[in-house]
């Protein structure tokens, strides 16, 4: 695996998901996984796979910019809200 310093900013954005993926691969090569039944291993992969997908989604959402608003945002009372920045 490449050192973190060599990764692009986009690749660095997914570092937690990559760590989880590497954990899963390492787990599959472990003695513990080798001793499991097919169904036990499938359940473990399902659990860890869901966690990987959750991290991928979260890290993707964090890389998105907040975007531009075409018009002022108004509260329920109709008053334009001020930007916190």
PDB file of N, CA and C in Angstrom:
ATOM      1  N   UNK A   1       0.844  -1.188   0.000  1.00  0.00           N
ATOM      2  CA  UNK A   1       0.000   0.000   0.000  1.00  0.00           C
ATOM      3  C   UNK A   1       0.875   1.231   0.000  1.00  0.00           C
ATOM      4  N   UNK A   2       0.451   2.268  -0.684  1.00  0.00           N
ATOM      5  CA  UNK A   2       1.222   3.499  -0.761  1.00  0.00           C
ATOM      6  C   UNK A   2       1.167   4.249   0.562  1.00  0.00           C
ATOM      7  N   UNK A   3       2.217   4.993   0.839  1.00  0.00           N
ATOM      8  CA  UNK A   3       2.240   5.806   2.061  1.00  0.00           C
ATOM      9  C   UNK A   3       1.204   6.912   1.939  1.00  0.00           C
ATOM     10  N   UNK A   4       0.641   7.334   3.057  1.00  0.00           N
ATOM     11  CA  UNK A   4      -0.402   8.355   3.059  1.00  0.00           C
ATOM     12  C   UNK A   4       0.083   9.644   2.419  1.00  0.00           C
ATOM     13  N   UNK A   5       1.368   9.987   2.572  1.00  0.00           N
ATOM     14  CA  UNK A   5       1.910  11.224   2.003  1.00  0.00           C
ATOM     15  C   UNK A   5       1.841  11.212   0.484  1.00  0.00           C
ATOM     16  N   UNK A   6       1.790  10.041  -0.143  1.00  0.00           N
ATOM     17  CA  UNK A   6       1.757   9.935  -1.586  1.00  0.00           C
ATOM     18  C   UNK A   6       0.337  10.014  -2.151  1.00  0.00           C
ATOM     19  N   UNK A   7      -0.665   9.969  -1.314  1.00  0.00           N
ATOM     20  CA  UNK A   7      -2.042   9.980  -1.775  1.00  0.00           C
ATOM     21  C   UNK A   7      -2.487  11.395  -2.130  1.00  0.00           C
ATOM     22  N   UNK A   8      -3.341  11.485  -3.139  1.00  0.00           N
ATOM     23  CA  UNK A   8      -3.915  12.775  -3.519  1.00  0.00           C
ATOM     24  C   UNK A   8      -4.894  13.219  -2.429  1.00  0.00           C
ATOM     25  N   UNK A   9      -5.258  14.501  -2.410  1.00  0.00           N
ATOM     26  CA  UNK A   9      -6.244  14.959  -1.420  1.00  0.00           C
ATOM     27  C   UNK A   9      -7.562  14.194  -1.496  1.00  0.00           C
ATOM     28  N   UNK A  10      -7.981  13.820  -2.708  1.00  0.00           N
ATOM     29  CA  UNK A  10      -9.218  13.055  -2.844  1.00  0.00           C
ATOM     30  C   UNK A  10      -9.060  11.671  -2.225  1.00  0.00           C
ATOM     31  N   UNK A  11      -7.929  11.023  -2.468  1.00  0.00           N
ATOM     32  CA  UNK A  11      -7.684   9.705  -1.892  1.00  0.00           C
ATOM     33  C   UNK A  11      -7.563   9.787  -0.376  1.00  0.00           C
ATOM     34  N   UNK A  12      -6.976  10.857   0.140  1.00  0.00           N
ATOM     35  CA  UNK A  12      -6.841  11.024   1.586  1.00  0.00           C
ATOM     36  C   UNK A  12      -8.203  11.186   2.240  1.00  0.00           C
ATOM     37  N   UNK A  13      -9.165  11.707   1.480  1.00  0.00           N
ATOM     38  CA  UNK A  13     -10.504  11.917   2.030  1.00  0.00           C
ATOM     39  C   UNK A  13     -11.157  10.598   2.432  1.00  0.00           C
ATOM     40  N   UNK A  14     -10.707   9.497   1.872  1.00  0.00           N
ATOM     41  CA  UNK A  14     -11.306   8.201   2.155  1.00  0.00           C
ATOM     42  C   UNK A  14     -10.397   7.330   3.012  1.00  0.00           C
ATOM     43  N   UNK A  15      -9.524   7.930   3.802  1.00  0.00           N
ATOM     44  CA  UNK A  15      -8.547   7.156   4.559  1.00  0.00           C
ATOM     45  C   UNK A  15      -9.188   6.246   5.606  1.00  0.00           C
ATOM     46  N   UNK A  16     -10.256   6.667   6.269  1.00  0.00           N
ATOM     47  CA  UNK A  16     -10.907   5.798   7.258  1.00  0.00           C
ATOM     48  C   UNK A  16     -11.548   4.590   6.590  1.00  0.00           C
ATOM     49  N   UNK A  17     -12.153   4.803   5.426  1.00  0.00           N
ATOM     50  CA  UNK A  17     -12.758   3.689   4.696  1.00  0.00           C
ATOM     51  C   UNK A  17     -11.673   2.724   4.221  1.00  0.00           C
ATOM     52  N   UNK A  18     -10.538   3.251   3.782  1.00  0.00           N
ATOM     53  CA  UNK A  18      -9.440   2.387   3.348  1.00  0.00           C
ATOM     54  C   UNK A  18      -8.923   1.543   4.519  1.00  0.00           C
ATOM     55  N   UNK A  19      -8.821   2.156   5.690  1.00  0.00           N
ATOM     56  CA  UNK A  19      -8.377   1.412   6.874  1.00  0.00           C
ATOM     57  C   UNK A  19      -9.361   0.280   7.193  1.00  0.00           C
ATOM     58  N   UNK A  20     -10.640   0.558   7.079  1.00  0.00           N
ATOM     59  CA  UNK A  20     -11.650  -0.460   7.343  1.00  0.00           C
ATOM     60  C   UNK A  20     -11.560  -1.577   6.308  1.00  0.00           C
ATOM     61  N   UNK A  21     -11.369  -1.221   5.043  1.00  0.00           N
ATOM     62  CA  UNK A  21     -11.215  -2.230   3.999  1.00  0.00           C
ATOM     63  C   UNK A  21      -9.999  -3.104   4.272  1.00  0.00           C
ATOM     64  N   UNK A  22      -8.876  -2.481   4.634  1.00  0.00           N
ATOM     65  CA  UNK A  22      -7.663  -3.251   4.923  1.00  0.00           C
ATOM     66  C   UNK A  22      -7.864  -4.163   6.135  1.00  0.00           C
ATOM     67  N   UNK A  23      -8.632  -3.690   7.112  1.00  0.00           N
ATOM     68  CA  UNK A  23      -8.955  -4.531   8.272  1.00  0.00           C
ATOM     69  C   UNK A  23      -9.726  -5.772   7.818  1.00  0.00           C
ATOM     70  N   UNK A  24     -10.718  -5.567   6.948  1.00  0.00           N
ATOM     71  CA  UNK A  24     -11.537  -6.682   6.472  1.00  0.00           C
ATOM     72  C   UNK A  24     -10.667  -7.699   5.738  1.00  0.00           C
ATOM     73  N   UNK A  25      -9.798  -7.220   4.865  1.00  0.00           N
ATOM     74  CA  UNK A  25      -8.920  -8.129   4.114  1.00  0.00           C
ATOM     75  C   UNK A  25      -8.009  -8.887   5.073  1.00  0.00           C
ATOM     76  N   UNK A  26      -7.444  -8.183   6.044  1.00  0.00           N
ATOM     77  CA  UNK A  26      -6.593  -8.837   7.034  1.00  0.00           C
ATOM     78  C   UNK A  26      -7.359  -9.858   7.847  1.00  0.00           C
ATOM     79  N   UNK A  27      -8.583  -9.520   8.189  1.00  0.00           N
ATOM     80  CA  UNK A  27      -9.420 -10.442   8.960  1.00  0.00           C
ATOM     81  C   UNK A  27      -9.684 -11.725   8.174  1.00  0.00           C
ATOM     82  N   UNK A  28      -9.931 -11.596   6.890  1.00  0.00           N
ATOM     83  CA  UNK A  28     -10.192 -12.774   6.065  1.00  0.00           C
ATOM     84  C   UNK A  28      -9.001 -13.724   6.031  1.00  0.00           C
ATOM     85  N   UNK A  29      -7.800 -13.188   6.190  1.00  0.00           N
ATOM     86  CA  UNK A  29      -6.587 -14.012   6.205  1.00  0.00           C
ATOM     87  C   UNK A  29      -6.247 -14.540   7.599  1.00  0.00           C
ATOM     88  N   UNK A  30      -7.052 -14.205   8.590  1.00  0.00           N
ATOM     89  CA  UNK A  30      -6.742 -14.597   9.962  1.00  0.00           C
ATOM     90  C   UNK A  30      -7.143 -16.032  10.253  1.00  0.00           C
ATOM     91  N   UNK A  31      -6.550 -16.589  11.307  1.00  0.00           N
ATOM     92  CA  UNK A  31      -6.915 -17.933  11.759  1.00  0.00           C
ATOM     93  C   UNK A  31      -8.356 -17.962  12.250  1.00  0.00           C
ATOM     94  N   UNK A  32      -8.776 -16.865  12.886  1.00  0.00           N
ATOM     95  CA  UNK A  32     -10.150 -16.785  13.392  1.00  0.00           C
ATOM     96  C   UNK A  32     -11.159 -16.948  12.254  1.00  0.00           C
ATOM     97  N   UNK A  33     -10.934 -16.237  11.146  1.00  0.00           N
ATOM     98  CA  UNK A  33     -11.852 -16.335  10.013  1.00  0.00           C
ATOM     99  C   UNK A  33     -11.797 -17.723   9.389  1.00  0.00           C
ATOM    100  N   UNK A  34     -10.617 -18.317   9.363  1.00  0.00           N
ATOM    101  CA  UNK A  34     -10.470 -19.662   8.780  1.00  0.00           C
ATOM    102  C   UNK A  34     -11.221 -20.711   9.589  1.00  0.00           C
ATOM    103  N   UNK A  35     -11.396 -20.467  10.877  1.00  0.00           N
ATOM    104  CA  UNK A  35     -12.080 -21.426  11.745  1.00  0.00           C
ATOM    105  C   UNK A  35     -13.602 -21.260  11.726  1.00  0.00           C
ATOM    106  N   UNK A  36     -14.104 -20.209  11.106  1.00  0.00           N
ATOM    107  CA  UNK A  36     -15.541 -19.953  11.090  1.00  0.00           C
ATOM    108  C   UNK A  36     -16.248 -20.814  10.051  1.00  0.00           C
ATOM    109  N   UNK A  37     -17.520 -21.043  10.323  1.00  0.00           N
ATOM    110  CA  UNK A  37     -18.348 -21.686   9.304  1.00  0.00           C
ATOM    111  C   UNK A  37     -18.642 -20.650   8.220  1.00  0.00           C
ATOM    112  N   UNK A  38     -19.154 -21.141   7.107  1.00  0.00           N
ATOM    113  CA  UNK A  38     -19.495 -20.244   6.002  1.00  0.00           C
ATOM    114  C   UNK A  38     -20.486 -19.171   6.459  1.00  0.00           C
ATOM    115  N   UNK A  39     -21.522 -19.572   7.173  1.00  0.00           N
ATOM    116  CA  UNK A  39     -22.547 -18.608   7.597  1.00  0.00           C
ATOM    117  C   UNK A  39     -22.013 -17.613   8.629  1.00  0.00           C
ATOM    118  N   UNK A  40     -21.139 -18.063   9.530  1.00  0.00           N
ATOM    119  CA  UNK A  40     -20.541 -17.138  10.505  1.00  0.00           C
ATOM    120  C   UNK A  40     -19.683 -16.095   9.796  1.00  0.00           C
ATOM    121  N   UNK A  41     -18.904 -16.554   8.841  1.00  0.00           N
ATOM    122  CA  UNK A  41     -18.051 -15.632   8.097  1.00  0.00           C
ATOM    123  C   UNK A  41     -18.883 -14.655   7.273  1.00  0.00           C
ATOM    124  N   UNK A  42     -19.952 -15.144   6.692  1.00  0.00           N
ATOM    125  CA  UNK A  42     -20.835 -14.279   5.915  1.00  0.00           C
ATOM    126  C   UNK A  42     -21.450 -13.188   6.796  1.00  0.00           C
ATOM    127  N   UNK A  43     -21.883 -13.555   8.001  1.00  0.00           N
ATOM    128  CA  UNK A  43     -22.447 -12.555   8.923  1.00  0.00           C
ATOM    129  C   UNK A  43     -21.406 -11.508   9.306  1.00  0.00           C
ATOM    130  N   UNK A  44     -20.184 -11.959   9.571  1.00  0.00           N
ATOM    131  CA  UNK A  44     -19.113 -11.037   9.945  1.00  0.00           C
ATOM    132  C   UNK A  44     -18.799 -10.085   8.789  1.00  0.00           C
ATOM    133  N   UNK A  45     -18.739 -10.614   7.578  1.00  0.00           N
ATOM    134  CA  UNK A  45     -18.488  -9.768   6.406  1.00  0.00           C
ATOM    135  C   UNK A  45     -19.626  -8.781   6.176  1.00  0.00           C
ATOM    136  N   UNK A  46     -20.837  -9.224   6.405  1.00  0.00           N
ATOM    137  CA  UNK A  46     -21.982  -8.328   6.237  1.00  0.00           C
ATOM    138  C   UNK A  46     -21.894  -7.154   7.220  1.00  0.00           C
ATOM    139  N   UNK A  47     -21.575  -7.453   8.461  1.00  0.00           N
ATOM    140  CA  UNK A  47     -21.450  -6.413   9.488  1.00  0.00           C
ATOM    141  C   UNK A  47     -20.324  -5.437   9.137  1.00  0.00           C
ATOM    142  N   UNK A  48     -19.148  -5.968   8.828  1.00  0.00           N
ATOM    143  CA  UNK A  48     -18.012  -5.103   8.504  1.00  0.00           C
ATOM    144  C   UNK A  48     -18.208  -4.381   7.174  1.00  0.00           C
ATOM    145  N   UNK A  49     -18.888  -5.032   6.241  1.00  0.00           N
ATOM    146  CA  UNK A  49     -19.172  -4.399   4.956  1.00  0.00           C
ATOM    147  C   UNK A  49     -20.110  -3.210   5.109  1.00  0.00           C
ATOM    148  N   UNK A  50     -21.101  -3.341   5.982  1.00  0.00           N
ATOM    149  CA  UNK A  50     -22.012  -2.208   6.249  1.00  0.00           C
ATOM    150  C   UNK A  50     -21.250  -1.037   6.845  1.00  0.00           C
ATOM    151  N   UNK A  51     -20.315  -1.336   7.751  1.00  0.00           N
ATOM    152  CA  UNK A  51     -19.512  -0.275   8.357  1.00  0.00           C
ATOM    153  C   UNK A  51     -18.641   0.398   7.300  1.00  0.00           C
ATOM    154  N   UNK A  52     -18.082  -0.383   6.390  1.00  0.00           N
ATOM    155  CA  UNK A  52     -17.282   0.178   5.304  1.00  0.00           C
ATOM    156  C   UNK A  52     -18.136   1.095   4.433  1.00  0.00           C
ATOM    157  N   UNK A  53     -19.319   0.649   4.071  1.00  0.00           N
ATOM    158  CA  UNK A  53     -20.202   1.469   3.234  1.00  0.00           C
ATOM    159  C   UNK A  53     -20.612   2.753   3.961  1.00  0.00           C
ATOM    160  N   UNK A  54     -20.865   2.653   5.257  1.00  0.00           N
ATOM    161  CA  UNK A  54     -21.217   3.843   6.037  1.00  0.00           C
ATOM    162  C   UNK A  54     -20.077   4.851   6.010  1.00  0.00           C
ATOM    163  N   UNK A  55     -18.847   4.367   6.191  1.00  0.00           N
ATOM    164  CA  UNK A  55     -17.693   5.268   6.177  1.00  0.00           C
ATOM    165  C   UNK A  55     -17.471   5.872   4.797  1.00  0.00           C
ATOM    166  N   UNK A  56     -17.648   5.080   3.743  1.00  0.00           N
ATOM    167  CA  UNK A  56     -17.511   5.616   2.389  1.00  0.00           C
ATOM    168  C   UNK A  56     -18.517   6.734   2.136  1.00  0.00           C
ATOM    169  N   UNK A  57     -19.767   6.507   2.514  1.00  0.00           N
ATOM    170  CA  UNK A  57     -20.793   7.527   2.322  1.00  0.00           C
ATOM    171  C   UNK A  57     -20.468   8.777   3.128  1.00  0.00           C
ATOM    172  N   UNK A  58     -20.105   8.605   4.398  1.00  0.00           N
ATOM    173  CA  UNK A  58     -19.809   9.753   5.248  1.00  0.00           C
ATOM    174  C   UNK A  58     -18.632  10.549   4.692  1.00  0.00           C
ATOM    175  N   UNK A  59     -17.582   9.858   4.281  1.00  0.00           N
ATOM    176  CA  UNK A  59     -16.415  10.571   3.764  1.00  0.00           C
ATOM    177  C   UNK A  59     -16.711  11.228   2.423  1.00  0.00           C
ATOM    178  N   UNK A  60     -17.565  10.620   1.619  1.00  0.00           N
ATOM    179  CA  UNK A  60     -17.979  11.262   0.372  1.00  0.00           C
ATOM    180  C   UNK A  60     -18.743  12.550   0.656  1.00  0.00           C
ATOM    181  N   UNK A  61     -19.682  12.486   1.595  1.00  0.00           N
ATOM    182  CA  UNK A  61     -20.464  13.675   1.931  1.00  0.00           C
ATOM    183  C   UNK A  61     -19.581  14.793   2.485  1.00  0.00           C
ATOM    184  N   UNK A  62     -18.532  14.416   3.221  1.00  0.00           N
ATOM    185  CA  UNK A  62     -17.630  15.422   3.772  1.00  0.00           C
ATOM    186  C   UNK A  62     -16.790  16.093   2.693  1.00  0.00           C
ATOM    187  N   UNK A  63     -16.576  15.429   1.549  1.00  0.00           N
ATOM    188  CA  UNK A  63     -15.777  16.033   0.479  1.00  0.00           C
ATOM    189  C   UNK A  63     -16.598  16.979  -0.383  1.00  0.00           C
ATOM    190  N   UNK A  64     -17.904  16.883  -0.315  1.00  0.00           N
ATOM    191  CA  UNK A  64     -18.757  17.787  -1.104  1.00  0.00           C
ATOM    192  C   UNK A  64     -18.678  19.200  -0.532  1.00  0.00           C
ATOM    193  N   UNK A  65     -18.708  20.155  -1.409  1.00  0.00           N
ATOM    194  CA  UNK A  65     -18.767  21.536  -0.934  1.00  0.00           C
ATOM    195  C   UNK A  65     -20.211  21.853  -0.574  1.00  0.00           C
ATOM    196  N   UNK A  66     -20.405  22.857   0.262  1.00  0.00           N
ATOM    197  CA  UNK A  66     -21.778  23.171   0.654  1.00  0.00           C
ATOM    198  C   UNK A  66     -22.623  23.681  -0.508  1.00  0.00           C
ATOM    199  N   UNK A  67     -21.996  24.181  -1.577  1.00  0.00           N
ATOM    200  CA  UNK A  67     -22.734  24.653  -2.744  1.00  0.00           C
ATOM    201  C   UNK A  67     -23.241  26.075  -2.569  1.00  0.00           C
ATOM    202  N   UNK A  68     -23.771  26.604  -3.636  1.00  0.00           N
ATOM    203  CA  UNK A  68     -24.285  27.973  -3.637  1.00  0.00           C
ATOM    204  C   UNK A  68     -25.811  27.945  -3.564  1.00  0.00           C
ATOM    205  N   UNK A  69     -26.339  28.948  -2.950  1.00  0.00           N
ATOM    206  CA  UNK A  69     -27.781  29.093  -2.841  1.00  0.00           C
ATOM    207  C   UNK A  69     -28.209  30.173  -3.835  1.00  0.00           C
ATOM    208  N   UNK A  70     -29.207  29.898  -4.665  1.00  0.00           N
ATOM    209  CA  UNK A  70     -29.636  30.821  -5.710  1.00  0.00           C
ATOM    210  C   UNK A  70     -30.370  32.040  -5.156  1.00  0.00           C
ATOM    211  N   UNK A  71     -30.932  31.929  -3.984  1.00  0.00           N
ATOM    212  CA  UNK A  71     -31.672  33.049  -3.391  1.00  0.00           C
ATOM    213  C   UNK A  71     -31.505  33.009  -1.879  1.00  0.00           C
ATOM    214  N   UNK A  72     -31.805  34.085  -1.202  1.00  0.00           N
ATOM    215  CA  UNK A  72     -31.643  34.091   0.256  1.00  0.00           C
ATOM    216  C   UNK A  72     -32.487  33.005   0.924  1.00  0.00           C
ATOM    217  N   UNK A  73     -31.923  32.417   1.965  1.00  0.00           N
ATOM    218  CA  UNK A  73     -32.652  31.413   2.733  1.00  0.00           C
ATOM    219  C   UNK A  73     -33.506  32.139   3.757  1.00  0.00           C
ATOM    220  N   UNK A  74     -34.767  31.774   3.836  1.00  0.00           N
ATOM    221  CA  UNK A  74     -35.696  32.443   4.741  1.00  0.00           C
ATOM    222  C   UNK A  74     -36.209  31.465   5.791  1.00  0.00           C
ATOM    223  N   UNK A  75     -36.373  31.962   6.994  1.00  0.00           N
ATOM    224  CA  UNK A  75     -36.936  31.167   8.070  1.00  0.00           C
ATOM    225  C   UNK A  75     -38.433  31.022   7.902  1.00  0.00           C
ATOM    226  N   UNK A  76     -39.075  30.289   8.826  1.00  0.00           N
ATOM    227  CA  UNK A  76     -40.519  30.077   8.767  1.00  0.00           C
ATOM    228  C   UNK A  76     -41.286  31.394   8.865  1.00  0.00           C
ATOM    229  N   UNK A  77     -40.651  32.401   9.477  1.00  0.00           N
ATOM    230  CA  UNK A  77     -41.309  33.712   9.610  1.00  0.00           C
ATOM    231  C   UNK A  77     -41.090  34.592   8.384  1.00  0.00           C
ATOM    232  N   UNK A  78     -40.376  34.088   7.364  1.00  0.00           N
ATOM    233  CA  UNK A  78     -40.155  34.852   6.137  1.00  0.00           C
ATOM    234  C   UNK A  78     -38.943  35.761   6.169  1.00  0.00           C
ATOM    235  N   UNK A  79     -38.263  35.867   7.288  1.00  0.00           N
ATOM    236  CA  UNK A  79     -37.084  36.734   7.431  1.00  0.00           C
ATOM    237  C   UNK A  79     -35.873  36.024   6.840  1.00  0.00           C
ATOM    238  N   UNK A  80     -35.095  36.759   6.023  1.00  0.00           N
ATOM    239  CA  UNK A  80     -33.885  36.202   5.428  1.00  0.00           C
ATOM    240  C   UNK A  80     -32.880  35.904   6.514  1.00  0.00           C
ATOM    241  N   UNK A  81     -32.262  34.720   6.451  1.00  0.00           N
ATOM    242  CA  UNK A  81     -31.278  34.305   7.440  1.00  0.00           C
ATOM    243  C   UNK A  81     -29.908  34.779   7.020  1.00  0.00           C
ATOM    244  N   UNK A  82     -29.088  35.116   7.991  1.00  0.00           N
ATOM    245  CA  UNK A  82     -27.732  35.576   7.731  1.00  0.00           C
ATOM    246  C   UNK A  82     -26.794  34.382   7.709  1.00  0.00           C
ATOM    247  N   UNK A  83     -25.783  34.447   6.855  1.00  0.00           N
ATOM    248  CA  UNK A  83     -24.784  33.392   6.770  1.00  0.00           C
ATOM    249  C   UNK A  83     -23.904  33.451   8.006  1.00  0.00           C
ATOM    250  N   UNK A  84     -23.545  32.288   8.592  1.00  0.00           N
ATOM    251  CA  UNK A  84     -22.690  32.284   9.774  1.00  0.00           C
ATOM    252  C   UNK A  84     -21.246  32.680   9.454  1.00  0.00           C
ATOM    253  N   UNK A  85     -20.880  32.732   8.176  1.00  0.00           N
ATOM    254  CA  UNK A  85     -19.507  33.069   7.800  1.00  0.00           C
ATOM    255  C   UNK A  85     -19.293  34.518   7.696  1.00  0.00           C
TER     256      UNK A  85
END
